């Protein structure tokens, strides 16, 4: 009997949340889960995402909103930690009664929050989580950034085309960096190449000399380094302290200024993939976003900003096409084709993924330069 009562209360609670979601107020409230505090580099991700969301919301609201309703974001700090992100998602659902959340940011956080999204029929649109394990994880999980398979596949093809055959890899113990490391390893081995070392770095580490020494001792043709700002900057700097010649390859986080601040001169010549479009070669919607962002905030948009901006406009398009009902919004997102956004042109596939292709960049004289 007690079990039946408890089950009834849980069901009633969930139905209560859904009932709140189905109301039609004069505003449409949604959540944003991003790191506004935490390890070095993490708050920058949160600031970039918040700035971009606020810019998109202001533009949409000034134009009359979405079906006559003003968008209202509610922000929660994830600290770039999965348990904190899960608590933030739960709070937004139970307290703010949102049906859509932009985020979480780290792949491990999105993976941890996915069961909650499924259970409560809450849509998550991550602008930053790239782990391929997220593909199809829930009918309610989407992202406006491509899976890490795109960056890792592209880098493996590039490195192979340069004649490199033996590689050493180091990555942070997190789904967002482990994913591309594993995809890169698989690609290289499938081509007939060798992975001479495959090292794991604990998240938050600043002393990675042991791991870098093991990479160097394996005598690779090139190394592939993956981490968040704190760890990646430390990897690059401490690798170069011991090896001045072996090419360093990396991924999107390399564009974050904190990485280059930590790495210093060691960042020179690092080649990396990124889906980000920079002002020097931006056109159309991408140039407009960069110009508008500069005008509002006095600086260029940083990592994940364009993807967060696109998440709001994807949401808007889905609502305009299908209405405010959660499953209607979900279907509207699945129908996204040829979306011309701040981050480029992309579709959303049936696994909730963007198919945007990465570009190759290189650090030259401390600046991000398109690799020719």
Protein backbone atom coordinates (compact mmCIF):
# COMPACT_ATOMS: atom_id res chain seq x y z
CA UNK A 1 0.00 0.00 0.00
CA UNK A 2 2.82 2.37 0.92
CA UNK A 3 4.50 1.60 -2.42
CA UNK A 4 1.30 2.48 -4.29
CA UNK A 5 0.96 5.76 -2.41
CA UNK A 6 4.60 6.65 -3.08
CA UNK A 7 4.26 5.76 -6.74
CA UNK A 8 1.12 7.85 -6.97
CA UNK A 9 2.89 10.85 -5.43
CA UNK A 10 5.83 10.54 -7.84
CA UNK A 11 3.45 10.30 -10.78
CA UNK A 12 1.44 13.24 -9.52
CA UNK A 13 4.62 15.27 -9.13
CA UNK A 14 5.69 14.55 -12.71
CA UNK A 15 2.22 15.28 -14.01
CA UNK A 16 2.28 18.50 -12.04
CA UNK A 17 5.49 19.52 -13.76
CA UNK A 18 4.01 18.67 -17.15
CA UNK A 19 0.87 20.63 -16.30
CA UNK A 20 2.97 23.68 -15.50
CA UNK A 21 4.84 23.22 -18.78
CA UNK A 22 1.60 23.17 -20.72
CA UNK A 23 0.44 26.59 -19.51
CA UNK A 24 0.41 29.49 -21.96
CA UNK A 25 1.69 32.60 -20.14
CA UNK A 26 2.74 35.82 -21.86
CA UNK A 27 6.36 34.70 -21.67
CA UNK A 28 8.16 31.54 -22.69
CA UNK A 29 10.68 30.61 -20.00
CA UNK A 30 13.61 28.32 -20.67
CA UNK A 31 16.72 27.29 -18.77
CA UNK A 32 20.46 27.62 -19.40
CA UNK A 33 22.96 25.36 -17.63
CA UNK A 34 26.59 26.44 -18.09
CA UNK A 35 29.73 26.89 -15.95
CA UNK A 36 29.89 30.40 -14.47
CA UNK A 37 32.38 29.32 -11.80
CA UNK A 38 34.85 26.44 -11.56
CA UNK A 39 38.32 25.53 -12.80
CA UNK A 40 40.31 27.92 -14.95
CA UNK A 41 38.68 28.42 -18.32
CA UNK A 42 35.27 27.09 -17.27
CA UNK A 43 33.70 30.46 -16.38
CA UNK A 44 34.72 31.77 -19.80
CA UNK A 45 32.58 29.09 -21.43
CA UNK A 46 29.65 30.20 -19.30
CA UNK A 47 30.19 33.89 -20.07
CA UNK A 48 30.38 33.24 -23.82
CA UNK A 49 27.19 31.20 -23.74
CA UNK A 50 25.29 33.69 -21.55
CA UNK A 51 26.33 36.61 -23.75
CA UNK A 52 25.22 34.82 -26.89
CA UNK A 53 21.91 33.69 -25.38
CA UNK A 54 21.17 37.21 -24.13
CA UNK A 55 21.99 38.65 -27.56
CA UNK A 56 19.66 36.22 -29.34
CA UNK A 57 16.88 36.71 -26.77
CA UNK A 58 17.11 40.51 -27.06
CA UNK A 59 16.91 40.33 -30.86
CA UNK A 60 13.94 37.98 -30.85
CA UNK A 61 12.05 39.87 -28.16
CA UNK A 62 12.60 43.21 -29.90
CA UNK A 63 11.14 41.67 -33.05
CA UNK A 64 7.97 40.65 -31.20
CA UNK A 65 9.02 37.45 -29.52
CA UNK A 66 7.98 33.95 -30.55
CA UNK A 67 4.34 33.69 -31.48
CA UNK A 68 3.80 36.85 -29.49
CA UNK A 69 5.56 35.62 -26.34
CA UNK A 70 8.79 37.05 -24.92
CA UNK A 71 11.64 34.65 -24.26
CA UNK A 72 12.95 34.62 -20.68
CA UNK A 73 16.15 32.69 -19.81
CA UNK A 74 16.87 31.31 -16.32
CA UNK A 75 20.56 30.61 -15.64
CA UNK A 76 22.07 27.93 -13.41
CA UNK A 77 25.78 27.31 -12.76
CA UNK A 78 27.15 23.84 -13.58
CA UNK A 79 30.77 24.53 -12.51
CA UNK A 80 31.73 22.13 -15.35
CA UNK A 81 30.90 19.24 -12.99
CA UNK A 82 28.34 16.56 -13.86
CA UNK A 83 26.67 16.25 -10.41
CA UNK A 84 26.26 20.04 -10.19
CA UNK A 85 24.86 20.17 -13.73
CA UNK A 86 22.32 17.45 -12.93
CA UNK A 87 21.17 19.35 -9.84
CA UNK A 88 20.87 22.51 -11.95
CA UNK A 89 18.73 20.71 -14.55
CA UNK A 90 16.49 19.29 -11.82
CA UNK A 91 16.08 22.73 -10.24
CA UNK A 92 15.11 24.38 -13.51
CA UNK A 93 12.52 21.67 -14.18
CA UNK A 94 11.00 21.56 -10.69
CA UNK A 95 11.23 25.24 -9.69
CA UNK A 96 11.11 27.20 -12.95
CA UNK A 97 8.99 24.57 -14.74
CA UNK A 98 10.92 24.95 -17.98
CA UNK A 99 10.45 22.53 -20.87
CA UNK A 100 13.67 23.47 -22.70
CA UNK A 101 17.20 23.87 -21.34
CA UNK A 102 20.20 25.16 -23.28
CA UNK A 103 23.03 22.96 -22.05
CA UNK A 104 24.61 21.39 -20.16
CA UNK A 105 28.08 22.25 -21.45
CA UNK A 106 30.46 19.35 -20.70
CA UNK A 107 29.67 16.03 -22.39
CA UNK A 108 29.77 14.15 -19.08
CA UNK A 109 27.15 16.58 -17.74
CA UNK A 110 24.87 16.14 -20.75
CA UNK A 111 25.18 12.35 -20.50
CA UNK A 112 24.34 12.46 -16.79
CA UNK A 113 21.32 14.72 -17.38
CA UNK A 114 19.92 12.75 -20.33
CA UNK A 115 17.82 10.29 -18.24
CA UNK A 116 16.17 13.23 -16.50
CA UNK A 117 15.36 14.79 -19.85
CA UNK A 118 13.77 11.54 -21.00
CA UNK A 119 11.80 11.00 -17.78
CA UNK A 120 10.39 14.53 -17.60
CA UNK A 121 10.11 15.20 -21.35
CA UNK A 122 12.46 18.16 -21.06
CA UNK A 123 14.43 19.18 -24.13
CA UNK A 124 18.18 19.71 -23.72
CA UNK A 125 20.02 21.60 -26.49
CA UNK A 126 23.74 21.58 -25.77
CA UNK A 127 25.92 24.16 -27.55
CA UNK A 128 29.14 22.53 -26.38
CA UNK A 129 28.91 18.79 -25.59
CA UNK A 130 30.66 16.87 -28.36
CA UNK A 131 31.02 13.26 -27.13
CA UNK A 132 29.76 10.78 -29.73
CA UNK A 133 28.13 8.81 -26.90
CA UNK A 134 25.48 11.55 -26.78
CA UNK A 135 24.21 10.72 -30.28
CA UNK A 136 20.73 9.25 -29.87
CA UNK A 137 21.06 9.07 -26.07
CA UNK A 138 17.54 10.45 -25.62
CA UNK A 139 14.71 11.62 -27.88
CA UNK A 140 14.90 14.90 -25.94
CA UNK A 141 18.65 15.62 -26.24
CA UNK A 142 19.95 17.77 -29.11
CA UNK A 143 23.04 19.84 -29.84
CA UNK A 144 24.05 22.68 -32.10
CA UNK A 145 27.68 21.56 -32.12
CA UNK A 146 28.85 18.57 -34.12
CA UNK A 147 29.90 15.29 -32.43
CA UNK A 148 33.59 14.81 -31.75
CA UNK A 149 33.70 12.21 -34.50
CA UNK A 150 33.71 15.07 -37.03
CA UNK A 151 36.78 16.76 -35.52
CA UNK A 152 38.64 13.53 -34.80
CA UNK A 153 37.93 12.08 -38.25
CA UNK A 154 39.05 15.31 -39.92
CA UNK A 155 42.25 15.46 -37.87
CA UNK A 156 43.10 11.82 -38.54
CA UNK A 157 42.69 12.39 -42.30
CA UNK A 158 44.77 15.57 -42.15
CA UNK A 159 47.57 14.02 -40.12
CA UNK A 160 47.71 10.99 -42.42
CA UNK A 161 47.86 13.25 -45.49
CA UNK A 162 50.94 14.93 -43.98
CA UNK A 163 52.76 11.61 -43.89
CA UNK A 164 52.52 11.04 -40.13
CA UNK A 165 52.13 7.37 -39.26
CA UNK A 166 52.92 7.09 -35.55
CA UNK A 167 50.98 9.09 -32.96
CA UNK A 168 50.89 9.62 -29.22
CA UNK A 169 47.64 10.79 -27.59
CA UNK A 170 46.81 12.40 -24.25
CA UNK A 171 43.31 13.34 -23.11
CA UNK A 172 41.51 14.48 -19.99
CA UNK A 173 39.41 11.91 -18.14
CA UNK A 174 36.09 13.29 -19.34
CA UNK A 175 33.63 12.15 -22.01
CA UNK A 176 34.14 15.32 -24.06
CA UNK A 177 37.86 14.65 -24.55
CA UNK A 178 37.94 10.87 -24.28
CA UNK A 179 35.56 10.61 -27.24
CA UNK A 180 37.73 12.32 -29.86
CA UNK A 181 40.82 10.56 -28.48
CA UNK A 182 39.22 7.16 -29.04
CA UNK A 183 37.83 8.08 -32.47
CA UNK A 184 41.24 9.41 -33.56
CA UNK A 185 42.95 6.23 -32.33
CA UNK A 186 40.45 4.04 -34.17
CA UNK A 187 40.81 6.05 -37.40
CA UNK A 188 44.60 5.93 -37.35
CA UNK A 189 44.69 2.22 -36.63
CA UNK A 190 42.16 1.58 -39.42
CA UNK A 191 44.50 3.39 -41.83
CA UNK A 192 47.38 1.16 -40.76
CA UNK A 193 49.04 3.65 -38.44
CA UNK A 194 50.33 3.22 -34.88
CA UNK A 195 49.29 4.73 -31.56
CA UNK A 196 52.53 4.60 -29.61
CA UNK A 197 51.11 6.02 -26.36
CA UNK A 198 47.62 6.71 -25.06
CA UNK A 199 47.68 8.69 -21.80
CA UNK A 200 44.88 9.82 -19.49
CA UNK A 201 45.14 13.11 -17.55
CA UNK A 202 42.90 13.66 -14.48
CA UNK A 203 40.55 16.62 -14.92
CA UNK A 204 41.90 19.71 -13.17
CA UNK A 205 45.55 18.63 -13.46
CA UNK A 206 48.24 21.26 -13.92
CA UNK A 207 51.29 19.01 -13.58
CA UNK A 208 51.18 16.63 -16.56
CA UNK A 209 54.91 16.17 -17.07
CA UNK A 210 54.76 12.43 -16.43
CA UNK A 211 52.15 11.90 -19.14
CA UNK A 212 54.01 14.18 -21.56
CA UNK A 213 57.27 12.32 -20.89
CA UNK A 214 55.57 9.03 -21.76
CA UNK A 215 54.33 10.51 -25.03
CA UNK A 216 57.81 11.73 -25.93
CA UNK A 217 59.47 8.43 -25.01
CA UNK A 218 57.20 6.64 -27.48
CA UNK A 219 58.84 8.68 -30.29
CA UNK A 220 55.73 9.66 -32.27
CA UNK A 221 55.59 11.54 -35.57
CA UNK A 222 52.97 13.84 -33.98
CA UNK A 223 50.95 14.13 -30.77
CA UNK A 224 47.21 14.70 -30.33
CA UNK A 225 46.41 16.61 -27.11
CA UNK A 226 42.86 17.00 -25.78
CA UNK A 227 41.67 18.77 -22.64
CA UNK A 228 39.79 21.71 -21.25
CA UNK A 229 41.56 25.05 -20.96
CA UNK A 230 43.46 24.33 -17.74
CA UNK A 231 44.76 20.90 -18.72
CA UNK A 232 45.27 21.56 -22.43
CA UNK A 233 47.36 24.67 -21.78
CA UNK A 234 49.45 22.70 -19.29
CA UNK A 235 49.89 19.81 -21.74
CA UNK A 236 51.09 22.03 -24.56
CA UNK A 237 53.52 23.98 -22.36
CA UNK A 238 54.95 20.96 -20.55
CA UNK A 239 55.26 18.94 -23.75
CA UNK A 240 57.23 21.74 -25.40
CA UNK A 241 59.48 22.02 -22.34
CA UNK A 242 60.78 18.55 -23.23
CA UNK A 243 60.26 18.39 -27.00
CA UNK A 244 60.60 21.43 -29.25
CA UNK A 245 60.01 19.80 -32.63
CA UNK A 246 57.28 17.12 -32.67
CA UNK A 247 54.06 18.57 -34.20
CA UNK A 248 51.19 19.16 -31.77
CA UNK A 249 47.63 18.56 -32.99
CA UNK A 250 44.51 19.44 -30.99
CA UNK A 251 40.83 20.38 -31.16
CA UNK A 252 38.36 23.24 -30.60
CA UNK A 253 39.30 24.11 -27.02
CA UNK A 254 42.64 25.32 -28.37
CA UNK A 255 40.87 28.49 -29.53
CA UNK A 256 40.10 29.45 -25.93
CA UNK A 257 42.42 32.34 -24.85
CA UNK A 258 43.03 30.71 -21.45
CA UNK A 259 44.77 27.81 -23.20
CA UNK A 260 47.21 30.13 -24.93
CA UNK A 261 47.73 32.14 -21.76
CA UNK A 262 48.78 28.99 -19.91
CA UNK A 263 50.80 27.53 -22.78
CA UNK A 264 52.52 30.80 -23.66
CA UNK A 265 55.01 30.61 -26.51
CA UNK A 266 54.60 26.82 -26.57
CA UNK A 267 51.26 27.26 -28.36
CA UNK A 268 53.04 28.53 -31.48
CA UNK A 269 52.43 26.20 -34.41
CA UNK A 270 49.73 24.05 -32.79
CA UNK A 271 47.26 22.88 -35.44
CA UNK A 272 43.68 22.26 -34.37
CA UNK A 273 40.17 21.67 -35.67
CA UNK A 274 37.20 23.87 -34.82
CA UNK A 275 33.69 24.51 -36.16
CA UNK A 276 33.98 28.19 -35.18
CA UNK A 277 33.83 30.80 -37.94
CA UNK A 278 36.09 33.80 -37.33
CA UNK A 279 35.62 37.37 -38.50
CA UNK A 280 38.45 37.25 -41.06
CA UNK A 281 36.56 34.75 -43.21
CA UNK A 282 32.95 35.17 -42.02
CA UNK A 283 30.15 36.08 -44.42
CA UNK A 284 26.36 36.38 -44.25
CA UNK A 285 24.72 35.26 -41.01
CA UNK A 286 28.08 34.43 -39.46
CA UNK A 287 29.49 37.92 -40.08
CA UNK A 288 26.30 39.56 -38.80
CA UNK A 289 26.52 37.58 -35.55
CA UNK A 290 30.17 38.53 -35.03
CA UNK A 291 29.46 42.21 -35.78
CA UNK A 292 26.42 42.31 -33.48
CA UNK A 293 28.31 40.54 -30.70
CA UNK A 294 31.21 42.97 -30.99
CA UNK A 295 28.85 45.94 -30.86
CA UNK A 296 27.04 44.65 -27.77
CA UNK A 297 30.00 43.32 -25.77
CA UNK A 298 33.04 45.13 -27.20
CA UNK A 299 34.88 41.93 -28.07
CA UNK A 300 34.77 38.95 -30.42
CA UNK A 301 32.53 35.99 -29.58
CA UNK A 302 34.46 33.21 -27.88
CA UNK A 303 34.23 29.44 -27.89
CA UNK A 304 30.66 28.02 -27.92
CA UNK A 305 29.09 31.50 -28.31
CA UNK A 306 27.91 30.96 -31.89
CA UNK A 307 26.55 27.51 -31.02
CA UNK A 308 24.59 28.94 -28.06
CA UNK A 309 23.21 31.73 -30.22
CA UNK A 310 22.11 29.17 -32.79
CA UNK A 311 20.44 27.07 -30.08
CA UNK A 312 18.06 29.96 -29.34
CA UNK A 313 17.22 30.48 -32.99
CA UNK A 314 16.75 26.72 -33.52
CA UNK A 315 14.30 26.81 -30.60
CA UNK A 316 12.55 29.81 -32.09
CA UNK A 317 12.23 28.14 -35.50
CA UNK A 318 10.85 24.96 -33.94
CA UNK A 319 8.22 26.87 -31.93
CA UNK A 320 7.23 29.05 -34.87
CA UNK A 321 6.76 25.95 -37.01
CA UNK A 322 5.16 23.59 -34.50
CA UNK A 323 3.94 25.51 -31.43
CA UNK A 324 4.84 25.49 -27.73
CA UNK A 325 4.02 21.86 -26.94
CA UNK A 326 7.16 19.98 -25.90
CA UNK A 327 6.80 17.14 -28.38
CA UNK A 328 5.94 19.65 -31.10
CA UNK A 329 9.15 21.56 -30.35
CA UNK A 330 11.08 18.28 -30.42
CA UNK A 331 9.67 17.49 -33.85
CA UNK A 332 10.42 21.02 -35.02
CA UNK A 333 14.08 20.61 -34.04
CA UNK A 334 14.27 17.27 -35.84
CA UNK A 335 12.97 19.04 -38.95
CA UNK A 336 15.86 21.54 -39.01
CA UNK A 337 17.50 21.44 -42.43
CA UNK A 338 19.97 23.85 -43.98
CA UNK A 339 19.91 26.08 -40.90
CA UNK A 340 22.06 29.13 -41.74
CA UNK A 341 23.24 30.23 -38.32
CA UNK A 342 26.05 31.99 -36.52
CA UNK A 343 28.11 28.80 -36.46
CA UNK A 344 27.50 28.00 -40.13
CA UNK A 345 25.02 25.92 -42.09
CA UNK A 346 23.85 22.63 -40.59
CA UNK A 347 21.05 20.07 -40.31
CA UNK A 348 19.83 18.28 -37.18
CA UNK A 349 19.71 14.54 -37.79
CA UNK A 350 17.47 11.90 -36.25
CA UNK A 351 19.95 11.39 -33.39
CA UNK A 352 19.74 15.04 -32.40
CA UNK A 353 23.15 15.97 -33.84
CA UNK A 354 24.38 18.88 -35.90
CA UNK A 355 26.38 17.85 -38.98
CA UNK A 356 28.56 20.95 -39.19
CA UNK A 357 32.06 20.33 -40.56
CA UNK A 358 35.20 21.59 -38.77
CA UNK A 359 37.91 23.90 -40.10
CA UNK A 360 41.66 23.76 -39.57
CA UNK A 361 43.40 26.53 -37.63
CA UNK A 362 46.98 27.12 -36.52
CA UNK A 363 48.51 29.38 -33.86
CA UNK A 364 50.77 31.94 -35.56
CA UNK A 365 52.47 34.65 -33.47
CA UNK A 366 49.94 33.98 -30.72
CA UNK A 367 46.94 34.44 -33.03
CA UNK A 368 44.38 32.03 -34.48
CA UNK A 369 45.00 31.71 -38.22
CA UNK A 370 43.14 29.75 -40.85
CA UNK A 371 45.42 26.93 -42.00
CA UNK A 372 46.08 27.25 -45.71
